[in-house]
Amino acid sequence: MRVEANPFAYDFDIDTTALVLIDMQRDFIEPGGFGETLGNDVALLEAIVPATQTMLKAWRDAGGLVVHTREAHEADLSDCPPAKLNRGTPTHRIGDLGPMGRILVKGEPGNQIVDALAPVEGELVIDKPGKGMFYATGLHEILQNRGITHLLFGGVTTEVCVQTSMREANDRGYDGLLLEDCTESYFPAFKAATIDMIRAQGAIVGWTAPSHALLAALRGTGSD
């Protein structure tokens, strides 16, 4: 299949491609979560849920592999280094009790993926202690065992966990496509800059495209 993308067309085969949704968690997207304690407008992130939901359904209908990631820590925070735990000035820190349970702790209500994008049986759910999806997760080995060579990305935030994961993927030999309307930042200028960086210099990190271009390819109305 071919997606009309930037800086040029992105070719992929469903059997060797996975859709990766990065950290679409209540802690980042819903009021009362970690994102809001940092002083951010979470409505910016919530706005991408409908487009992402449409994309997820289409990908499931096509029979493609889905990977969900969650930024999540052990209850004792043994996998959360002080440099991360103490960064910034939020009203609540990682591990503190918030309106949706302990922030960014495995198993807590706020750590779960939003209902509209909840994983279904057979999809991979990866808990990651860092920003990138490959750090301390074993995901690369899982994808290699499944013959995955191409990755479609959505999720939050564009310039942090999404971009880190795309760069990690690029270093490991995957061809990555970022779905522009299925990712967002608390800072619109950061999203725009990240998109430019990813596709600069002939797709130095990867490709970008609006989700409707991928939907067209899945419907068979895009280029072959």
Foldseek 3Di string as FASTA:
>chain_A
DWFQWPPGIDDDDQLQEEEEAEALFLLQQPPFHVVVLLVFDSPQLVVLLVVVLVLVVLSVVLVHAYEYEFAAAALVNPLPDPVQQVPHDGPDTQNDQIPQGGHRHPPTRRRARDPSPHDDPPHHYWHDNALARPPPTCVVVVSVVSNHAEYEYAYDALQTSRLNNLQVSVVVRHAYEYALSRHHYSDRVSSVVSQCVCRPPNRPRHIYDHSVSVVCVSVVNHDD
